[in-house]
Amino acid sequence: MSGNHADLRILVADDNHDTADSMTELLQLEGHQVRTVYDGEAAVSAAVQFVPHVAVLDIGMPYMNGYQVARALCARCPSTLLIAVSGWGTTRDVAAALEAGFHHHLTKPAKFCAILSLLDDVGRE
């Protein structure tokens, strides 16, 4: 990929529809292909079909939580960069996210510029 972070396939999964939909719109405005789902099981199904470059996942989702989704994606989509965006932001929460396979953990409300910075890193690889 070029140094530009556009044209990434990104999966957004959050049970808060407003949060997920807003993130999706912002990412699409940046030129990305985005799939949006609202629970953990849907996230795994979408990822297997879509094979995203990046997955932006909430932790507290129904059916499968973000930790379970991260473990599943590490096994099924090992090249996907996993970003946790969660209201759970204690040191223990961050450690649990990294242990589950997330590459990054951002605490809500996450600044969109922080997400874009992580996407820039993907574009450079």
Protein backbone atom coordinates (compact mmCIF):
# COMPACT_ATOMS: atom_id res chain seq x y z
CA MET A 1 0.00 0.00 0.00
CA SER A 2 1.03 3.57 -0.46
CA GLY A 3 1.73 5.94 2.40
CA ASN A 4 -1.88 7.10 2.06
CA HIS A 5 -4.26 5.45 4.50
CA ALA A 6 -7.27 5.51 2.13
CA ASP A 7 -8.80 2.45 0.50
CA LEU A 8 -8.55 0.19 3.52
CA ARG A 9 -11.22 -2.43 4.24
CA ILE A 10 -12.42 -1.65 7.76
CA LEU A 11 -14.85 -3.54 9.96
CA VAL A 12 -16.67 -1.50 12.63
CA ALA A 13 -18.47 -3.44 15.36
CA ASP A 14 -20.29 -1.72 18.23
CA ASP A 15 -23.68 -2.48 19.80
CA ASN A 16 -24.32 1.27 20.07
CA HIS A 17 -25.77 1.90 16.61
CA ASP A 18 -25.15 5.68 16.75
CA THR A 19 -21.47 5.15 17.62
CA ALA A 20 -20.97 2.49 14.94
CA ASP A 21 -22.83 4.44 12.26
CA SER A 22 -20.98 7.70 13.02
CA MET A 23 -17.62 5.93 12.88
CA THR A 24 -18.62 4.30 9.60
CA GLU A 25 -19.59 7.62 8.03
CA LEU A 26 -16.34 9.27 9.09
CA LEU A 27 -14.24 6.38 7.77
CA GLN A 28 -16.15 6.37 4.47
CA LEU A 29 -15.49 10.10 4.10
CA GLU A 30 -11.78 9.23 4.38
CA GLY A 31 -12.18 6.87 1.39
CA HIS A 32 -12.36 3.51 3.15
CA GLN A 33 -14.59 0.52 2.43
CA VAL A 34 -16.47 -0.08 5.69
CA ARG A 35 -18.70 -2.89 6.92
CA THR A 36 -20.70 -2.17 10.05
CA VAL A 37 -22.19 -4.69 12.47
CA TYR A 38 -23.75 -4.41 15.90
CA ASP A 39 -22.78 -7.58 17.78
CA GLY A 40 -19.85 -9.92 18.22
CA GLU A 41 -21.14 -12.89 16.23
CA ALA A 42 -21.90 -10.64 13.27
CA ALA A 43 -18.39 -9.20 13.55
CA VAL A 44 -16.77 -12.62 13.15
CA SER A 45 -19.05 -13.54 10.22
CA ALA A 46 -18.41 -10.22 8.48
CA ALA A 47 -14.66 -10.45 9.01
CA VAL A 48 -14.43 -13.94 7.52
CA GLN A 49 -16.26 -12.74 4.39
CA PHE A 50 -14.81 -9.21 4.14
CA VAL A 51 -11.24 -9.92 5.36
CA PRO A 52 -10.66 -6.40 6.68
CA HIS A 53 -7.29 -4.69 6.93
CA VAL A 54 -8.52 -3.19 10.22
CA ALA A 55 -11.26 -4.10 12.72
CA VAL A 56 -12.47 -1.41 15.13
CA LEU A 57 -14.28 -3.31 17.88
CA ASP A 58 -16.20 -2.41 21.00
CA ILE A 59 -15.54 -4.73 23.94
CA GLY A 60 -19.00 -4.86 25.56
CA MET A 61 -21.06 -6.37 22.72
CA PRO A 62 -23.82 -8.99 22.87
CA TYR A 63 -23.47 -12.64 21.75
CA MET A 64 -19.66 -12.48 21.72
CA ASN A 65 -17.74 -9.75 23.53
CA GLY A 66 -14.85 -7.92 21.90
CA TYR A 67 -12.26 -10.14 23.58
CA GLN A 68 -13.89 -13.25 22.10
CA VAL A 69 -14.13 -11.58 18.70
CA ALA A 70 -10.44 -10.60 18.84
CA ARG A 71 -9.43 -14.18 19.62
CA ALA A 72 -11.55 -15.48 16.74
CA LEU A 73 -10.14 -12.93 14.31
CA CYS A 74 -6.55 -13.66 15.35
CA ALA A 75 -7.19 -17.26 14.29
CA ARG A 76 -9.25 -16.56 11.14
CA CYS A 77 -7.89 -13.21 9.86
CA PRO A 78 -4.37 -13.03 11.28
CA SER A 79 -3.29 -10.04 9.18
CA THR A 80 -6.15 -7.83 10.43
CA LEU A 81 -5.11 -4.97 12.71
CA LEU A 82 -7.39 -5.07 15.77
CA ILE A 83 -8.31 -1.81 17.51
CA ALA A 84 -10.41 -1.87 20.68
CA VAL A 85 -12.52 1.25 21.19
CA SER A 86 -14.20 0.74 24.53
CA GLY A 87 -15.66 2.53 27.50
CA TRP A 88 -13.65 0.08 29.58
CA GLY A 89 -10.33 1.86 30.03
CA THR A 90 -8.62 0.76 33.22
CA THR A 91 -5.10 -0.62 33.14
CA ARG A 92 -6.60 -4.09 33.64
CA ASP A 93 -9.00 -3.55 30.70
CA VAL A 94 -6.17 -2.50 28.40
CA ALA A 95 -4.08 -5.50 29.47
CA ALA A 96 -7.04 -7.85 28.86
CA ALA A 97 -7.52 -6.36 25.37
CA LEU A 98 -3.86 -6.84 24.46
CA GLU A 99 -3.92 -10.37 25.86
CA ALA A 100 -6.98 -11.17 23.71
CA GLY A 101 -5.07 -10.11 20.60
CA PHE A 102 -5.88 -6.44 20.12
CA HIS A 103 -2.99 -4.40 18.76
CA HIS A 104 -4.31 -1.11 20.18
CA HIS A 105 -6.81 0.01 22.83
CA LEU A 106 -8.53 3.39 22.77
CA THR A 107 -10.90 4.47 25.53
CA LYS A 108 -14.22 6.06 24.57
CA PRO A 109 -14.78 8.70 23.61
CA ALA A 110 -11.86 8.02 21.26
CA LYS A 111 -10.65 10.91 19.16
CA PHE A 112 -11.10 10.23 15.45
CA CYS A 113 -7.60 11.62 14.80
CA ALA A 114 -6.19 8.83 17.01
CA ILE A 115 -7.91 6.23 14.84
CA LEU A 116 -6.68 7.94 11.67
CA SER A 117 -3.13 7.87 13.03
CA LEU A 118 -3.37 4.10 13.52
CA LEU A 119 -4.73 3.76 9.98
CA ASP A 120 -1.78 5.75 8.65
CA ASP A 121 0.49 3.12 10.17
CA VAL A 122 -1.43 0.38 8.30
CA GLY A 123 -1.05 2.32 5.05
CA ARG A 124 2.73 2.41 5.49
CA GLU A 125 3.18 -1.32 6.02
